Amino acid sequence: MGGEQIPIQTRLMTIADIFDARTASDRPYKRAMPVPKALDIMTHEVKGGDAGPGIVPAFTEARVFEQRDEG
């Protein structure tokens, strides 16, 4: 199944999960990555064809990560 064949909901959740995995502070096995660095990596992955074209830019521009509940 190619990128466009994967349901949009699945692609959105994947991008959110990737972001959370990189920035979550409650992971005992690794340190949280700063948000700007995580976004830079995700943007680079899109340019390299590895992650959601159209989705990562929308995620970044909407700044939904600023609305996270930090507990």
N, C-alpha and C. Protein backbone atom coordinates (compact mmCIF):
# COMPACT_ATOMS: atom_id res chain seq x y z
N MET A 1 0.86 -1.17 0.00
CA MET A 1 0.00 0.00 0.00
C MET A 1 0.90 1.23 0.00
N GLY A 2 0.74 2.11 -1.00
CA GLY A 2 1.54 3.32 -1.12
C GLY A 2 0.97 4.47 -0.33
N GLY A 3 1.74 5.57 -0.23
CA GLY A 3 1.37 6.73 0.57
C GLY A 3 -0.04 7.23 0.39
N GLU A 4 -0.46 7.45 -0.85
CA GLU A 4 -1.79 7.99 -1.09
C GLU A 4 -2.89 6.97 -0.83
N GLN A 5 -2.55 5.70 -0.79
CA GLN A 5 -3.54 4.66 -0.52
C GLN A 5 -3.78 4.48 0.98
N ILE A 6 -2.88 5.01 1.79
CA ILE A 6 -3.04 4.93 3.24
C ILE A 6 -4.05 5.99 3.66
N PRO A 7 -5.06 5.61 4.43
CA PRO A 7 -6.08 6.59 4.84
C PRO A 7 -5.47 7.81 5.52
N ILE A 8 -6.04 8.98 5.25
CA ILE A 8 -5.53 10.23 5.81
C ILE A 8 -5.47 10.18 7.33
N GLN A 9 -6.43 9.54 7.96
CA GLN A 9 -6.45 9.44 9.42
C GLN A 9 -5.22 8.70 9.93
N THR A 10 -4.85 7.65 9.22
CA THR A 10 -3.67 6.88 9.60
C THR A 10 -2.41 7.70 9.43
N ARG A 11 -2.32 8.44 8.33
CA ARG A 11 -1.14 9.28 8.10
C ARG A 11 -1.04 10.39 9.15
N LEU A 12 -2.17 10.98 9.53
CA LEU A 12 -2.17 12.03 10.55
C LEU A 12 -1.71 11.48 11.90
N MET A 13 -2.23 10.32 12.26
CA MET A 13 -1.85 9.71 13.54
C MET A 13 -0.37 9.31 13.54
N THR A 14 0.12 8.88 12.41
CA THR A 14 1.53 8.50 12.32
C THR A 14 2.43 9.69 12.56
N ILE A 15 2.12 10.83 11.94
CA ILE A 15 2.93 12.04 12.12
C ILE A 15 2.86 12.49 13.57
N ALA A 16 1.67 12.47 14.17
CA ALA A 16 1.53 12.86 15.58
C ALA A 16 2.33 11.92 16.48
N ASP A 17 2.31 10.63 16.18
CA ASP A 17 3.04 9.66 16.98
C ASP A 17 4.55 9.86 16.85
N ILE A 18 5.01 10.13 15.65
CA ILE A 18 6.45 10.39 15.44
C ILE A 18 6.88 11.61 16.24
N PHE A 19 6.09 12.68 16.18
CA PHE A 19 6.40 13.89 16.93
C PHE A 19 6.43 13.59 18.43
N ASP A 20 5.43 12.89 18.92
CA ASP A 20 5.37 12.58 20.35
C ASP A 20 6.55 11.71 20.78
N ALA A 21 6.91 10.76 19.97
CA ALA A 21 8.04 9.88 20.31
C ALA A 21 9.33 10.67 20.43
N ARG A 22 9.47 11.72 19.65
CA ARG A 22 10.69 12.53 19.70
C ARG A 22 10.69 13.56 20.82
N THR A 23 9.54 14.02 21.23
CA THR A 23 9.49 15.15 22.16
C THR A 23 8.94 14.81 23.54
N ALA A 24 8.41 13.64 23.75
CA ALA A 24 7.81 13.29 25.05
C ALA A 24 8.88 13.23 26.14
N SER A 25 8.57 13.84 27.26
CA SER A 25 9.53 13.88 28.37
C SER A 25 9.39 12.69 29.31
N ASP A 26 8.39 11.86 29.10
CA ASP A 26 8.15 10.74 30.01
C ASP A 26 8.69 9.41 29.50
N ARG A 27 9.65 9.47 28.58
CA ARG A 27 10.24 8.23 28.07
C ARG A 27 11.48 7.90 28.90
N PRO A 28 11.47 6.80 29.62
CA PRO A 28 12.60 6.48 30.49
C PRO A 28 13.86 6.08 29.73
N TYR A 29 13.73 5.72 28.47
CA TYR A 29 14.86 5.19 27.71
C TYR A 29 15.57 6.24 26.85
N LYS A 30 15.02 7.46 26.80
CA LYS A 30 15.72 8.51 26.05
C LYS A 30 15.19 9.88 26.46
N ARG A 31 16.03 10.87 26.24
CA ARG A 31 15.66 12.24 26.55
C ARG A 31 14.73 12.81 25.50
N ALA A 32 13.91 13.76 25.93
CA ALA A 32 13.03 14.45 24.99
C ALA A 32 13.87 15.35 24.09
N MET A 33 13.49 15.40 22.83
CA MET A 33 14.14 16.27 21.86
C MET A 33 13.42 17.62 21.89
N PRO A 34 14.15 18.73 21.76
CA PRO A 34 13.47 20.02 21.69
C PRO A 34 12.52 20.07 20.48
N VAL A 35 11.38 20.72 20.65
CA VAL A 35 10.37 20.80 19.59
C VAL A 35 10.96 21.32 18.27
N PRO A 36 11.71 22.42 18.27
CA PRO A 36 12.25 22.90 16.98
C PRO A 36 13.11 21.86 16.26
N LYS A 37 13.91 21.11 17.01
CA LYS A 37 14.74 20.08 16.40
C LYS A 37 13.87 18.96 15.82
N ALA A 38 12.85 18.53 16.56
CA ALA A 38 11.95 17.49 16.06
C ALA A 38 11.26 17.93 14.78
N LEU A 39 10.80 19.18 14.74
CA LEU A 39 10.15 19.70 13.54
C LEU A 39 11.11 19.79 12.36
N ASP A 40 12.35 20.19 12.64
CA ASP A 40 13.36 20.25 11.57
C ASP A 40 13.60 18.87 10.98
N ILE A 41 13.72 17.87 11.83
CA ILE A 41 13.95 16.50 11.35
C ILE A 41 12.76 16.02 10.52
N MET A 42 11.56 16.27 11.02
CA MET A 42 10.36 15.84 10.29
C MET A 42 10.28 16.54 8.94
N THR A 43 10.61 17.82 8.88
CA THR A 43 10.60 18.57 7.62
C THR A 43 11.64 17.99 6.66
N HIS A 44 12.81 17.66 7.18
CA HIS A 44 13.86 17.07 6.35
C HIS A 44 13.42 15.70 5.82
N GLU A 45 12.73 14.92 6.64
CA GLU A 45 12.25 13.61 6.20
C GLU A 45 11.22 13.74 5.08
N VAL A 46 10.41 14.77 5.14
CA VAL A 46 9.43 15.00 4.06
C VAL A 46 10.16 15.31 2.77
N LYS A 47 11.17 16.17 2.84
CA LYS A 47 11.93 16.53 1.64
C LYS A 47 12.64 15.32 1.05
N GLY A 48 13.02 14.38 1.93
CA GLY A 48 13.67 13.16 1.48
C GLY A 48 12.68 12.09 1.04
N GLY A 49 11.40 12.38 1.17
CA GLY A 49 10.38 11.42 0.74
C GLY A 49 10.04 10.37 1.77
N ASP A 50 10.50 10.56 3.03
CA ASP A 50 10.30 9.53 4.04
C ASP A 50 9.03 9.72 4.88
N ALA A 51 8.44 10.90 4.86
CA ALA A 51 7.28 11.14 5.74
C ALA A 51 6.27 12.02 5.04
N GLY A 52 5.04 11.96 5.50
CA GLY A 52 3.86 12.62 5.02
C GLY A 52 3.95 13.95 4.33
N PRO A 53 4.19 13.98 3.01
CA PRO A 53 4.14 15.26 2.32
C PRO A 53 2.74 15.86 2.44
N GLY A 54 2.67 17.12 2.76
CA GLY A 54 1.39 17.78 2.95
C GLY A 54 0.91 17.70 4.39
N ILE A 55 1.23 16.61 5.07
CA ILE A 55 0.77 16.44 6.44
C ILE A 55 1.73 17.12 7.42
N VAL A 56 3.02 16.88 7.26
CA VAL A 56 3.99 17.50 8.17
C VAL A 56 3.94 19.03 8.06
N PRO A 57 3.89 19.60 6.85
CA PRO A 57 3.77 21.06 6.78
C PRO A 57 2.49 21.58 7.45
N ALA A 58 1.40 20.88 7.28
CA ALA A 58 0.14 21.29 7.92
C ALA A 58 0.27 21.18 9.44
N PHE A 59 0.89 20.13 9.92
CA PHE A 59 1.12 19.93 11.36
C PHE A 59 1.96 21.07 11.91
N THR A 60 3.01 21.42 11.19
CA THR A 60 3.92 22.48 11.62
C THR A 60 3.24 23.85 11.59
N GLU A 61 2.57 24.16 10.49
CA GLU A 61 1.93 25.47 10.33
C GLU A 61 0.77 25.66 11.30
N ALA A 62 0.03 24.60 11.61
CA ALA A 62 -1.09 24.70 12.54
C ALA A 62 -0.62 24.82 13.99
N ARG A 63 0.64 24.45 14.23
CA ARG A 63 1.25 24.51 15.55
C ARG A 63 0.42 23.75 16.60
N VAL A 64 -0.13 22.63 16.16
CA VAL A 64 -0.95 21.83 17.08
C VAL A 64 -0.14 21.33 18.28
N PHE A 65 1.16 21.22 18.12
CA PHE A 65 2.01 20.75 19.20
C PHE A 65 2.03 21.73 20.37
N GLU A 66 1.66 22.98 20.14
CA GLU A 66 1.61 23.97 21.22
C GLU A 66 0.40 23.75 22.11
N GLN A 67 -0.55 22.94 21.66
CA GLN A 67 -1.78 22.70 22.40
C GLN A 67 -1.72 21.41 23.21
N ARG A 68 -0.56 20.78 23.26
CA ARG A 68 -0.42 19.52 23.99
C ARG A 68 -0.65 19.74 25.48
N ASP A 69 -1.26 18.75 26.10
CA ASP A 69 -1.45 18.76 27.55
C ASP A 69 -0.19 18.22 28.17
N GLU A 70 0.52 19.06 28.89
CA GLU A 70 1.79 18.65 29.50
C GLU A 70 1.58 17.98 30.86
N GLY A 71 0.34 17.70 31.20
CA GLY A 71 0.08 16.91 32.38
C GLY A 71 -0.26 17.73 33.56
